[in-house]
Amino acid sequence: ELLLHDFEKNYHMYVYPVHWQFHQ
């Protein structure tokens, strides 16, 4: 529940890590 809330509240923090892993 906290992880979901944080993703919705601080969405921009999670975009780059997801892209970064793909390109790794």
PDBML (XML) file of the C-alpha atoms, coordinates in Angstrom:
<?xml version="1.0" encoding="UTF-8" ?>
<PDBx:datablock datablockName="MODEL"
   xmlns:PDBx="http://pdbml.pdb.org/schema/pdbx-v50.xsd"
   xmlns:xsi="http://www.w3.org/2001/XMLSchema-instance"
   xsi:schemaLocation="http://pdbml.pdb.org/schema/pdbx-v50.xsd pdbx-v50.xsd">
   <PDBx:atom_siteCategory>
      <PDBx:atom_site id="1">
         <PDBx:B_iso_or_equiv>0.00</PDBx:B_iso_or_equiv>
         <PDBx:Cartn_x>0.000</PDBx:Cartn_x>
         <PDBx:Cartn_y>0.000</PDBx:Cartn_y>
         <PDBx:Cartn_z>0.000</PDBx:Cartn_z>
         <PDBx:auth_asym_id>A</PDBx:auth_asym_id>
         <PDBx:auth_atom_id>CA</PDBx:auth_atom_id>
         <PDBx:auth_comp_id>GLU</PDBx:auth_comp_id>
         <PDBx:auth_seq_id>1</PDBx:auth_seq_id>
         <PDBx:group_PDB>ATOM</PDBx:group_PDB>
         <PDBx:label_alt_id xsi:nil="true" />
         <PDBx:label_asym_id>A</PDBx:label_asym_id>
         <PDBx:label_atom_id>CA</PDBx:label_atom_id>
         <PDBx:label_comp_id>GLU</PDBx:label_comp_id>
         <PDBx:label_entity_id>1</PDBx:label_entity_id>
         <PDBx:label_seq_id>1</PDBx:label_seq_id>
         <PDBx:occupancy>1.00</PDBx:occupancy>
         <PDBx:pdbx_PDB_model_num>1</PDBx:pdbx_PDB_model_num>
         <PDBx:type_symbol>C</PDBx:type_symbol>
      </PDBx:atom_site>
      <PDBx:atom_site id="2">
         <PDBx:B_iso_or_equiv>0.00</PDBx:B_iso_or_equiv>
         <PDBx:Cartn_x>2.865</PDBx:Cartn_x>
         <PDBx:Cartn_y>2.371</PDBx:Cartn_y>
         <PDBx:Cartn_z>0.833</PDBx:Cartn_z>
         <PDBx:auth_asym_id>A</PDBx:auth_asym_id>
         <PDBx:auth_atom_id>CA</PDBx:auth_atom_id>
         <PDBx:auth_comp_id>LEU</PDBx:auth_comp_id>
         <PDBx:auth_seq_id>2</PDBx:auth_seq_id>
         <PDBx:group_PDB>ATOM</PDBx:group_PDB>
         <PDBx:label_alt_id xsi:nil="true" />
         <PDBx:label_asym_id>A</PDBx:label_asym_id>
         <PDBx:label_atom_id>CA</PDBx:label_atom_id>
         <PDBx:label_comp_id>LEU</PDBx:label_comp_id>
         <PDBx:label_entity_id>1</PDBx:label_entity_id>
         <PDBx:label_seq_id>2</PDBx:label_seq_id>
         <PDBx:occupancy>1.00</PDBx:occupancy>
         <PDBx:pdbx_PDB_model_num>1</PDBx:pdbx_PDB_model_num>
         <PDBx:type_symbol>C</PDBx:type_symbol>
      </PDBx:atom_site>
      <PDBx:atom_site id="3">
         <PDBx:B_iso_or_equiv>0.00</PDBx:B_iso_or_equiv>
         <PDBx:Cartn_x>4.759</PDBx:Cartn_x>
         <PDBx:Cartn_y>1.446</PDBx:Cartn_y>
         <PDBx:Cartn_z>-2.350</PDBx:Cartn_z>
         <PDBx:auth_asym_id>A</PDBx:auth_asym_id>
         <PDBx:auth_atom_id>CA</PDBx:auth_atom_id>
         <PDBx:auth_comp_id>LEU</PDBx:auth_comp_id>
         <PDBx:auth_seq_id>3</PDBx:auth_seq_id>
         <PDBx:group_PDB>ATOM</PDBx:group_PDB>
         <PDBx:label_alt_id xsi:nil="true" />
         <PDBx:label_asym_id>A</PDBx:label_asym_id>
         <PDBx:label_atom_id>CA</PDBx:label_atom_id>
         <PDBx:label_comp_id>LEU</PDBx:label_comp_id>
         <PDBx:label_entity_id>1</PDBx:label_entity_id>
         <PDBx:label_seq_id>3</PDBx:label_seq_id>
         <PDBx:occupancy>1.00</PDBx:occupancy>
         <PDBx:pdbx_PDB_model_num>1</PDBx:pdbx_PDB_model_num>
         <PDBx:type_symbol>C</PDBx:type_symbol>
      </PDBx:atom_site>
      <PDBx:atom_site id="4">
         <PDBx:B_iso_or_equiv>0.00</PDBx:B_iso_or_equiv>
         <PDBx:Cartn_x>1.641</PDBx:Cartn_x>
         <PDBx:Cartn_y>2.118</PDBx:Cartn_y>
         <PDBx:Cartn_z>-4.443</PDBx:Cartn_z>
         <PDBx:auth_asym_id>A</PDBx:auth_asym_id>
         <PDBx:auth_atom_id>CA</PDBx:auth_atom_id>
         <PDBx:auth_comp_id>LEU</PDBx:auth_comp_id>
         <PDBx:auth_seq_id>4</PDBx:auth_seq_id>
         <PDBx:group_PDB>ATOM</PDBx:group_PDB>
         <PDBx:label_alt_id xsi:nil="true" />
         <PDBx:label_asym_id>A</PDBx:label_asym_id>
         <PDBx:label_atom_id>CA</PDBx:label_atom_id>
         <PDBx:label_comp_id>LEU</PDBx:label_comp_id>
         <PDBx:label_entity_id>1</PDBx:label_entity_id>
         <PDBx:label_seq_id>4</PDBx:label_seq_id>
         <PDBx:occupancy>1.00</PDBx:occupancy>
         <PDBx:pdbx_PDB_model_num>1</PDBx:pdbx_PDB_model_num>
         <PDBx:type_symbol>C</PDBx:type_symbol>
      </PDBx:atom_site>
      <PDBx:atom_site id="5">
         <PDBx:B_iso_or_equiv>0.00</PDBx:B_iso_or_equiv>
         <PDBx:Cartn_x>0.988</PDBx:Cartn_x>
         <PDBx:Cartn_y>5.429</PDBx:Cartn_y>
         <PDBx:Cartn_z>-2.679</PDBx:Cartn_z>
         <PDBx:auth_asym_id>A</PDBx:auth_asym_id>
         <PDBx:auth_atom_id>CA</PDBx:auth_atom_id>
         <PDBx:auth_comp_id>HIS</PDBx:auth_comp_id>
         <PDBx:auth_seq_id>5</PDBx:auth_seq_id>
         <PDBx:group_PDB>ATOM</PDBx:group_PDB>
         <PDBx:label_alt_id xsi:nil="true" />
         <PDBx:label_asym_id>A</PDBx:label_asym_id>
         <PDBx:label_atom_id>CA</PDBx:label_atom_id>
         <PDBx:label_comp_id>HIS</PDBx:label_comp_id>
         <PDBx:label_entity_id>1</PDBx:label_entity_id>
         <PDBx:label_seq_id>5</PDBx:label_seq_id>
         <PDBx:occupancy>1.00</PDBx:occupancy>
         <PDBx:pdbx_PDB_model_num>1</PDBx:pdbx_PDB_model_num>
         <PDBx:type_symbol>C</PDBx:type_symbol>
      </PDBx:atom_site>
      <PDBx:atom_site id="6">
         <PDBx:B_iso_or_equiv>0.00</PDBx:B_iso_or_equiv>
         <PDBx:Cartn_x>4.593</PDBx:Cartn_x>
         <PDBx:Cartn_y>6.537</PDBx:Cartn_y>
         <PDBx:Cartn_z>-3.177</PDBx:Cartn_z>
         <PDBx:auth_asym_id>A</PDBx:auth_asym_id>
         <PDBx:auth_atom_id>CA</PDBx:auth_atom_id>
         <PDBx:auth_comp_id>ASP</PDBx:auth_comp_id>
         <PDBx:auth_seq_id>6</PDBx:auth_seq_id>
         <PDBx:group_PDB>ATOM</PDBx:group_PDB>
         <PDBx:label_alt_id xsi:nil="true" />
         <PDBx:label_asym_id>A</PDBx:label_asym_id>
         <PDBx:label_atom_id>CA</PDBx:label_atom_id>
         <PDBx:label_comp_id>ASP</PDBx:label_comp_id>
         <PDBx:label_entity_id>1</PDBx:label_entity_id>
         <PDBx:label_seq_id>6</PDBx:label_seq_id>
         <PDBx:occupancy>1.00</PDBx:occupancy>
         <PDBx:pdbx_PDB_model_num>1</PDBx:pdbx_PDB_model_num>
         <PDBx:type_symbol>C</PDBx:type_symbol>
      </PDBx:atom_site>
      <PDBx:atom_site id="7">
         <PDBx:B_iso_or_equiv>0.00</PDBx:B_iso_or_equiv>
         <PDBx:Cartn_x>4.518</PDBx:Cartn_x>
         <PDBx:Cartn_y>5.595</PDBx:Cartn_y>
         <PDBx:Cartn_z>-6.870</PDBx:Cartn_z>
         <PDBx:auth_asym_id>A</PDBx:auth_asym_id>
         <PDBx:auth_atom_id>CA</PDBx:auth_atom_id>
         <PDBx:auth_comp_id>PHE</PDBx:auth_comp_id>
         <PDBx:auth_seq_id>7</PDBx:auth_seq_id>
         <PDBx:group_PDB>ATOM</PDBx:group_PDB>
         <PDBx:label_alt_id xsi:nil="true" />
         <PDBx:label_asym_id>A</PDBx:label_asym_id>
         <PDBx:label_atom_id>CA</PDBx:label_atom_id>
         <PDBx:label_comp_id>PHE</PDBx:label_comp_id>
         <PDBx:label_entity_id>1</PDBx:label_entity_id>
         <PDBx:label_seq_id>7</PDBx:label_seq_id>
         <PDBx:occupancy>1.00</PDBx:occupancy>
         <PDBx:pdbx_PDB_model_num>1</PDBx:pdbx_PDB_model_num>
         <PDBx:type_symbol>C</PDBx:type_symbol>
      </PDBx:atom_site>
      <PDBx:atom_site id="8">
         <PDBx:B_iso_or_equiv>0.00</PDBx:B_iso_or_equiv>
         <PDBx:Cartn_x>1.379</PDBx:Cartn_x>
         <PDBx:Cartn_y>7.662</PDBx:Cartn_y>
         <PDBx:Cartn_z>-7.401</PDBx:Cartn_z>
         <PDBx:auth_asym_id>A</PDBx:auth_asym_id>
         <PDBx:auth_atom_id>CA</PDBx:auth_atom_id>
         <PDBx:auth_comp_id>GLU</PDBx:auth_comp_id>
         <PDBx:auth_seq_id>8</PDBx:auth_seq_id>
         <PDBx:group_PDB>ATOM</PDBx:group_PDB>
         <PDBx:label_alt_id xsi:nil="true" />
         <PDBx:label_asym_id>A</PDBx:label_asym_id>
         <PDBx:label_atom_id>CA</PDBx:label_atom_id>
         <PDBx:label_comp_id>GLU</PDBx:label_comp_id>
         <PDBx:label_entity_id>1</PDBx:label_entity_id>
         <PDBx:label_seq_id>8</PDBx:label_seq_id>
         <PDBx:occupancy>1.00</PDBx:occupancy>
         <PDBx:pdbx_PDB_model_num>1</PDBx:pdbx_PDB_model_num>
         <PDBx:type_symbol>C</PDBx:type_symbol>
      </PDBx:atom_site>
      <PDBx:atom_site id="9">
         <PDBx:B_iso_or_equiv>0.00</PDBx:B_iso_or_equiv>
         <PDBx:Cartn_x>2.709</PDBx:Cartn_x>
         <PDBx:Cartn_y>10.591</PDBx:Cartn_y>
         <PDBx:Cartn_z>-5.354</PDBx:Cartn_z>
         <PDBx:auth_asym_id>A</PDBx:auth_asym_id>
         <PDBx:auth_atom_id>CA</PDBx:auth_atom_id>
         <PDBx:auth_comp_id>LYS</PDBx:auth_comp_id>
         <PDBx:auth_seq_id>9</PDBx:auth_seq_id>
         <PDBx:group_PDB>ATOM</PDBx:group_PDB>
         <PDBx:label_alt_id xsi:nil="true" />
         <PDBx:label_asym_id>A</PDBx:label_asym_id>
         <PDBx:label_atom_id>CA</PDBx:label_atom_id>
         <PDBx:label_comp_id>LYS</PDBx:label_comp_id>
         <PDBx:label_entity_id>1</PDBx:label_entity_id>
         <PDBx:label_seq_id>9</PDBx:label_seq_id>
         <PDBx:occupancy>1.00</PDBx:occupancy>
         <PDBx:pdbx_PDB_model_num>1</PDBx:pdbx_PDB_model_num>
         <PDBx:type_symbol>C</PDBx:type_symbol>
      </PDBx:atom_site>
      <PDBx:atom_site id="10">
         <PDBx:B_iso_or_equiv>0.00</PDBx:B_iso_or_equiv>
         <PDBx:Cartn_x>6.337</PDBx:Cartn_x>
         <PDBx:Cartn_y>10.561</PDBx:Cartn_y>
         <PDBx:Cartn_z>-6.607</PDBx:Cartn_z>
         <PDBx:auth_asym_id>A</PDBx:auth_asym_id>
         <PDBx:auth_atom_id>CA</PDBx:auth_atom_id>
         <PDBx:auth_comp_id>ASN</PDBx:auth_comp_id>
         <PDBx:auth_seq_id>10</PDBx:auth_seq_id>
         <PDBx:group_PDB>ATOM</PDBx:group_PDB>
         <PDBx:label_alt_id xsi:nil="true" />
         <PDBx:label_asym_id>A</PDBx:label_asym_id>
         <PDBx:label_atom_id>CA</PDBx:label_atom_id>
         <PDBx:label_comp_id>ASN</PDBx:label_comp_id>
         <PDBx:label_entity_id>1</PDBx:label_entity_id>
         <PDBx:label_seq_id>10</PDBx:label_seq_id>
         <PDBx:occupancy>1.00</PDBx:occupancy>
         <PDBx:pdbx_PDB_model_num>1</PDBx:pdbx_PDB_model_num>
         <PDBx:type_symbol>C</PDBx:type_symbol>
      </PDBx:atom_site>
      <PDBx:atom_site id="11">
         <PDBx:B_iso_or_equiv>0.00</PDBx:B_iso_or_equiv>
         <PDBx:Cartn_x>5.858</PDBx:Cartn_x>
         <PDBx:Cartn_y>8.997</PDBx:Cartn_y>
         <PDBx:Cartn_z>-10.040</PDBx:Cartn_z>
         <PDBx:auth_asym_id>A</PDBx:auth_asym_id>
         <PDBx:auth_atom_id>CA</PDBx:auth_atom_id>
         <PDBx:auth_comp_id>TYR</PDBx:auth_comp_id>
         <PDBx:auth_seq_id>11</PDBx:auth_seq_id>
         <PDBx:group_PDB>ATOM</PDBx:group_PDB>
         <PDBx:label_alt_id xsi:nil="true" />
         <PDBx:label_asym_id>A</PDBx:label_asym_id>
         <PDBx:label_atom_id>CA</PDBx:label_atom_id>
         <PDBx:label_comp_id>TYR</PDBx:label_comp_id>
         <PDBx:label_entity_id>1</PDBx:label_entity_id>
         <PDBx:label_seq_id>11</PDBx:label_seq_id>
         <PDBx:occupancy>1.00</PDBx:occupancy>
         <PDBx:pdbx_PDB_model_num>1</PDBx:pdbx_PDB_model_num>
         <PDBx:type_symbol>C</PDBx:type_symbol>
      </PDBx:atom_site>
      <PDBx:atom_site id="12">
         <PDBx:B_iso_or_equiv>0.00</PDBx:B_iso_or_equiv>
         <PDBx:Cartn_x>8.748</PDBx:Cartn_x>
         <PDBx:Cartn_y>10.957</PDBx:Cartn_y>
         <PDBx:Cartn_z>-11.622</PDBx:Cartn_z>
         <PDBx:auth_asym_id>A</PDBx:auth_asym_id>
         <PDBx:auth_atom_id>CA</PDBx:auth_atom_id>
         <PDBx:auth_comp_id>HIS</PDBx:auth_comp_id>
         <PDBx:auth_seq_id>12</PDBx:auth_seq_id>
         <PDBx:group_PDB>ATOM</PDBx:group_PDB>
         <PDBx:label_alt_id xsi:nil="true" />
         <PDBx:label_asym_id>A</PDBx:label_asym_id>
         <PDBx:label_atom_id>CA</PDBx:label_atom_id>
         <PDBx:label_comp_id>HIS</PDBx:label_comp_id>
         <PDBx:label_entity_id>1</PDBx:label_entity_id>
         <PDBx:label_seq_id>12</PDBx:label_seq_id>
         <PDBx:occupancy>1.00</PDBx:occupancy>
         <PDBx:pdbx_PDB_model_num>1</PDBx:pdbx_PDB_model_num>
         <PDBx:type_symbol>C</PDBx:type_symbol>
      </PDBx:atom_site>
      <PDBx:atom_site id="13">
         <PDBx:B_iso_or_equiv>0.00</PDBx:B_iso_or_equiv>
         <PDBx:Cartn_x>11.285</PDBx:Cartn_x>
         <PDBx:Cartn_y>9.226</PDBx:Cartn_y>
         <PDBx:Cartn_z>-9.321</PDBx:Cartn_z>
         <PDBx:auth_asym_id>A</PDBx:auth_asym_id>
         <PDBx:auth_atom_id>CA</PDBx:auth_atom_id>
         <PDBx:auth_comp_id>MET</PDBx:auth_comp_id>
         <PDBx:auth_seq_id>13</PDBx:auth_seq_id>
         <PDBx:group_PDB>ATOM</PDBx:group_PDB>
         <PDBx:label_alt_id xsi:nil="true" />
         <PDBx:label_asym_id>A</PDBx:label_asym_id>
         <PDBx:label_atom_id>CA</PDBx:label_atom_id>
         <PDBx:label_comp_id>MET</PDBx:label_comp_id>
         <PDBx:label_entity_id>1</PDBx:label_entity_id>
         <PDBx:label_seq_id>13</PDBx:label_seq_id>
         <PDBx:occupancy>1.00</PDBx:occupancy>
         <PDBx:pdbx_PDB_model_num>1</PDBx:pdbx_PDB_model_num>
         <PDBx:type_symbol>C</PDBx:type_symbol>
      </PDBx:atom_site>
      <PDBx:atom_site id="14">
         <PDBx:B_iso_or_equiv>0.00</PDBx:B_iso_or_equiv>
         <PDBx:Cartn_x>10.526</PDBx:Cartn_x>
         <PDBx:Cartn_y>5.810</PDBx:Cartn_y>
         <PDBx:Cartn_z>-10.803</PDBx:Cartn_z>
         <PDBx:auth_asym_id>A</PDBx:auth_asym_id>
         <PDBx:auth_atom_id>CA</PDBx:auth_atom_id>
         <PDBx:auth_comp_id>TYR</PDBx:auth_comp_id>
         <PDBx:auth_seq_id>14</PDBx:auth_seq_id>
         <PDBx:group_PDB>ATOM</PDBx:group_PDB>
         <PDBx:label_alt_id xsi:nil="true" />
         <PDBx:label_asym_id>A</PDBx:label_asym_id>
         <PDBx:label_atom_id>CA</PDBx:label_atom_id>
         <PDBx:label_comp_id>TYR</PDBx:label_comp_id>
         <PDBx:label_entity_id>1</PDBx:label_entity_id>
         <PDBx:label_seq_id>14</PDBx:label_seq_id>
         <PDBx:occupancy>1.00</PDBx:occupancy>
         <PDBx:pdbx_PDB_model_num>1</PDBx:pdbx_PDB_model_num>
         <PDBx:type_symbol>C</PDBx:type_symbol>
      </PDBx:atom_site>
      <PDBx:atom_site id="15">
         <PDBx:B_iso_or_equiv>0.00</PDBx:B_iso_or_equiv>
         <PDBx:Cartn_x>10.643</PDBx:Cartn_x>
         <PDBx:Cartn_y>6.603</PDBx:Cartn_y>
         <PDBx:Cartn_z>-14.530</PDBx:Cartn_z>
         <PDBx:auth_asym_id>A</PDBx:auth_asym_id>
         <PDBx:auth_atom_id>CA</PDBx:auth_atom_id>
         <PDBx:auth_comp_id>VAL</PDBx:auth_comp_id>
         <PDBx:auth_seq_id>15</PDBx:auth_seq_id>
         <PDBx:group_PDB>ATOM</PDBx:group_PDB>
         <PDBx:label_alt_id xsi:nil="true" />
         <PDBx:label_asym_id>A</PDBx:label_asym_id>
         <PDBx:label_atom_id>CA</PDBx:label_atom_id>
         <PDBx:label_comp_id>VAL</PDBx:label_comp_id>
         <PDBx:label_entity_id>1</PDBx:label_entity_id>
         <PDBx:label_seq_id>15</PDBx:label_seq_id>
         <PDBx:occupancy>1.00</PDBx:occupancy>
         <PDBx:pdbx_PDB_model_num>1</PDBx:pdbx_PDB_model_num>
         <PDBx:type_symbol>C</PDBx:type_symbol>
      </PDBx:atom_site>
      <PDBx:atom_site id="16">
         <PDBx:B_iso_or_equiv>0.00</PDBx:B_iso_or_equiv>
         <PDBx:Cartn_x>14.413</PDBx:Cartn_x>
         <PDBx:Cartn_y>6.788</PDBx:Cartn_y>
         <PDBx:Cartn_z>-14.953</PDBx:Cartn_z>
         <PDBx:auth_asym_id>A</PDBx:auth_asym_id>
         <PDBx:auth_atom_id>CA</PDBx:auth_atom_id>
         <PDBx:auth_comp_id>TYR</PDBx:auth_comp_id>
         <PDBx:auth_seq_id>16</PDBx:auth_seq_id>
         <PDBx:group_PDB>ATOM</PDBx:group_PDB>
         <PDBx:label_alt_id xsi:nil="true" />
         <PDBx:label_asym_id>A</PDBx:label_asym_id>
         <PDBx:label_atom_id>CA</PDBx:label_atom_id>
         <PDBx:label_comp_id>TYR</PDBx:label_comp_id>
         <PDBx:label_entity_id>1</PDBx:label_entity_id>
         <PDBx:label_seq_id>16</PDBx:label_seq_id>
         <PDBx:occupancy>1.00</PDBx:occupancy>
         <PDBx:pdbx_PDB_model_num>1</PDBx:pdbx_PDB_model_num>
         <PDBx:type_symbol>C</PDBx:type_symbol>
      </PDBx:atom_site>
      <PDBx:atom_site id="17">
         <PDBx:B_iso_or_equiv>0.00</PDBx:B_iso_or_equiv>
         <PDBx:Cartn_x>15.268</PDBx:Cartn_x>
         <PDBx:Cartn_y>3.616</PDBx:Cartn_y>
         <PDBx:Cartn_z>-12.934</PDBx:Cartn_z>
         <PDBx:auth_asym_id>A</PDBx:auth_asym_id>
         <PDBx:auth_atom_id>CA</PDBx:auth_atom_id>
         <PDBx:auth_comp_id>PRO</PDBx:auth_comp_id>
         <PDBx:auth_seq_id>17</PDBx:auth_seq_id>
         <PDBx:group_PDB>ATOM</PDBx:group_PDB>
         <PDBx:label_alt_id xsi:nil="true" />
         <PDBx:label_asym_id>A</PDBx:label_asym_id>
         <PDBx:label_atom_id>CA</PDBx:label_atom_id>
         <PDBx:label_comp_id>PRO</PDBx:label_comp_id>
         <PDBx:label_entity_id>1</PDBx:label_entity_id>
         <PDBx:label_seq_id>17</PDBx:label_seq_id>
         <PDBx:occupancy>1.00</PDBx:occupancy>
         <PDBx:pdbx_PDB_model_num>1</PDBx:pdbx_PDB_model_num>
         <PDBx:type_symbol>C</PDBx:type_symbol>
      </PDBx:atom_site>
      <PDBx:atom_site id="18">
         <PDBx:B_iso_or_equiv>0.00</PDBx:B_iso_or_equiv>
         <PDBx:Cartn_x>12.887</PDBx:Cartn_x>
         <PDBx:Cartn_y>1.574</PDBx:Cartn_y>
         <PDBx:Cartn_z>-15.137</PDBx:Cartn_z>
         <PDBx:auth_asym_id>A</PDBx:auth_asym_id>
         <PDBx:auth_atom_id>CA</PDBx:auth_atom_id>
         <PDBx:auth_comp_id>VAL</PDBx:auth_comp_id>
         <PDBx:auth_seq_id>18</PDBx:auth_seq_id>
         <PDBx:group_PDB>ATOM</PDBx:group_PDB>
         <PDBx:label_alt_id xsi:nil="true" />
         <PDBx:label_asym_id>A</PDBx:label_asym_id>
         <PDBx:label_atom_id>CA</PDBx:label_atom_id>
         <PDBx:label_comp_id>VAL</PDBx:label_comp_id>
         <PDBx:label_entity_id>1</PDBx:label_entity_id>
         <PDBx:label_seq_id>18</PDBx:label_seq_id>
         <PDBx:occupancy>1.00</PDBx:occupancy>
         <PDBx:pdbx_PDB_model_num>1</PDBx:pdbx_PDB_model_num>
         <PDBx:type_symbol>C</PDBx:type_symbol>
      </PDBx:atom_site>
      <PDBx:atom_site id="19">
         <PDBx:B_iso_or_equiv>0.00</PDBx:B_iso_or_equiv>
         <PDBx:Cartn_x>14.416</PDBx:Cartn_x>
         <PDBx:Cartn_y>3.002</PDBx:Cartn_y>
         <PDBx:Cartn_z>-18.336</PDBx:Cartn_z>
         <PDBx:auth_asym_id>A</PDBx:auth_asym_id>
         <PDBx:auth_atom_id>CA</PDBx:auth_atom_id>
         <PDBx:auth_comp_id>HIS</PDBx:auth_comp_id>
         <PDBx:auth_seq_id>19</PDBx:auth_seq_id>
         <PDBx:group_PDB>ATOM</PDBx:group_PDB>
         <PDBx:label_alt_id xsi:nil="true" />
         <PDBx:label_asym_id>A</PDBx:label_asym_id>
         <PDBx:label_atom_id>CA</PDBx:label_atom_id>
         <PDBx:label_comp_id>HIS</PDBx:label_comp_id>
         <PDBx:label_entity_id>1</PDBx:label_entity_id>
         <PDBx:label_seq_id>19</PDBx:label_seq_id>
         <PDBx:occupancy>1.00</PDBx:occupancy>
         <PDBx:pdbx_PDB_model_num>1</PDBx:pdbx_PDB_model_num>
         <PDBx:type_symbol>C</PDBx:type_symbol>
      </PDBx:atom_site>
      <PDBx:atom_site id="20">
         <PDBx:B_iso_or_equiv>0.00</PDBx:B_iso_or_equiv>
         <PDBx:Cartn_x>17.933</PDBx:Cartn_x>
         <PDBx:Cartn_y>2.556</PDBx:Cartn_y>
         <PDBx:Cartn_z>-16.947</PDBx:Cartn_z>
         <PDBx:auth_asym_id>A</PDBx:auth_asym_id>
         <PDBx:auth_atom_id>CA</PDBx:auth_atom_id>
         <PDBx:auth_comp_id>TRP</PDBx:auth_comp_id>
         <PDBx:auth_seq_id>20</PDBx:auth_seq_id>
         <PDBx:group_PDB>ATOM</PDBx:group_PDB>
         <PDBx:label_alt_id xsi:nil="true" />
         <PDBx:label_asym_id>A</PDBx:label_asym_id>
         <PDBx:label_atom_id>CA</PDBx:label_atom_id>
         <PDBx:label_comp_id>TRP</PDBx:label_comp_id>
         <PDBx:label_entity_id>1</PDBx:label_entity_id>
         <PDBx:label_seq_id>20</PDBx:label_seq_id>
         <PDBx:occupancy>1.00</PDBx:occupancy>
         <PDBx:pdbx_PDB_model_num>1</PDBx:pdbx_PDB_model_num>
         <PDBx:type_symbol>C</PDBx:type_symbol>
      </PDBx:atom_site>
      <PDBx:atom_site id="21">
         <PDBx:B_iso_or_equiv>0.00</PDBx:B_iso_or_equiv>
         <PDBx:Cartn_x>17.441</PDBx:Cartn_x>
         <PDBx:Cartn_y>-1.162</PDBx:Cartn_y>
         <PDBx:Cartn_z>-16.247</PDBx:Cartn_z>
         <PDBx:auth_asym_id>A</PDBx:auth_asym_id>
         <PDBx:auth_atom_id>CA</PDBx:auth_atom_id>
         <PDBx:auth_comp_id>GLN</PDBx:auth_comp_id>
         <PDBx:auth_seq_id>21</PDBx:auth_seq_id>
         <PDBx:group_PDB>ATOM</PDBx:group_PDB>
         <PDBx:label_alt_id xsi:nil="true" />
         <PDBx:label_asym_id>A</PDBx:label_asym_id>
         <PDBx:label_atom_id>CA</PDBx:label_atom_id>
         <PDBx:label_comp_id>GLN</PDBx:label_comp_id>
         <PDBx:label_entity_id>1</PDBx:label_entity_id>
         <PDBx:label_seq_id>21</PDBx:label_seq_id>
         <PDBx:occupancy>1.00</PDBx:occupancy>
         <PDBx:pdbx_PDB_model_num>1</PDBx:pdbx_PDB_model_num>
         <PDBx:type_symbol>C</PDBx:type_symbol>
      </PDBx:atom_site>
      <PDBx:atom_site id="22">
         <PDBx:B_iso_or_equiv>0.00</PDBx:B_iso_or_equiv>
         <PDBx:Cartn_x>16.092</PDBx:Cartn_x>
         <PDBx:Cartn_y>-1.765</PDBx:Cartn_y>
         <PDBx:Cartn_z>-19.751</PDBx:Cartn_z>
         <PDBx:auth_asym_id>A</PDBx:auth_asym_id>
         <PDBx:auth_atom_id>CA</PDBx:auth_atom_id>
         <PDBx:auth_comp_id>PHE</PDBx:auth_comp_id>
         <PDBx:auth_seq_id>22</PDBx:auth_seq_id>
         <PDBx:group_PDB>ATOM</PDBx:group_PDB>
         <PDBx:label_alt_id xsi:nil="true" />
         <PDBx:label_asym_id>A</PDBx:label_asym_id>
         <PDBx:label_atom_id>CA</PDBx:label_atom_id>
         <PDBx:label_comp_id>PHE</PDBx:label_comp_id>
         <PDBx:label_entity_id>1</PDBx:label_entity_id>
         <PDBx:label_seq_id>22</PDBx:label_seq_id>
         <PDBx:occupancy>1.00</PDBx:occupancy>
         <PDBx:pdbx_PDB_model_num>1</PDBx:pdbx_PDB_model_num>
         <PDBx:type_symbol>C</PDBx:type_symbol>
      </PDBx:atom_site>
      <PDBx:atom_site id="23">
         <PDBx:B_iso_or_equiv>0.00</PDBx:B_iso_or_equiv>
         <PDBx:Cartn_x>19.143</PDBx:Cartn_x>
         <PDBx:Cartn_y>-0.171</PDBx:Cartn_y>
         <PDBx:Cartn_z>-21.351</PDBx:Cartn_z>
         <PDBx:auth_asym_id>A</PDBx:auth_asym_id>
         <PDBx:auth_atom_id>CA</PDBx:auth_atom_id>
         <PDBx:auth_comp_id>HIS</PDBx:auth_comp_id>
         <PDBx:auth_seq_id>23</PDBx:auth_seq_id>
         <PDBx:group_PDB>ATOM</PDBx:group_PDB>
         <PDBx:label_alt_id xsi:nil="true" />
         <PDBx:label_asym_id>A</PDBx:label_asym_id>
         <PDBx:label_atom_id>CA</PDBx:label_atom_id>
         <PDBx:label_comp_id>HIS</PDBx:label_comp_id>
         <PDBx:label_entity_id>1</PDBx:label_entity_id>
         <PDBx:label_seq_id>23</PDBx:label_seq_id>
         <PDBx:occupancy>1.00</PDBx:occupancy>
         <PDBx:pdbx_PDB_model_num>1</PDBx:pdbx_PDB_model_num>
         <PDBx:type_symbol>C</PDBx:type_symbol>
      </PDBx:atom_site>
      <PDBx:atom_site id="24">
         <PDBx:B_iso_or_equiv>0.00</PDBx:B_iso_or_equiv>
         <PDBx:Cartn_x>21.485</PDBx:Cartn_x>
         <PDBx:Cartn_y>-2.052</PDBx:Cartn_y>
         <PDBx:Cartn_z>-18.989</PDBx:Cartn_z>
         <PDBx:auth_asym_id>A</PDBx:auth_asym_id>
         <PDBx:auth_atom_id>CA</PDBx:auth_atom_id>
         <PDBx:auth_comp_id>GLN</PDBx:auth_comp_id>
         <PDBx:auth_seq_id>24</PDBx:auth_seq_id>
         <PDBx:group_PDB>ATOM</PDBx:group_PDB>
         <PDBx:label_alt_id xsi:nil="true" />
         <PDBx:label_asym_id>A</PDBx:label_asym_id>
         <PDBx:label_atom_id>CA</PDBx:label_atom_id>
         <PDBx:label_comp_id>GLN</PDBx:label_comp_id>
         <PDBx:label_entity_id>1</PDBx:label_entity_id>
         <PDBx:label_seq_id>24</PDBx:label_seq_id>
         <PDBx:occupancy>1.00</PDBx:occupancy>
         <PDBx:pdbx_PDB_model_num>1</PDBx:pdbx_PDB_model_num>
         <PDBx:type_symbol>C</PDBx:type_symbol>
      </PDBx:atom_site>
   </PDBx:atom_siteCategory>
</PDBx:datablock>
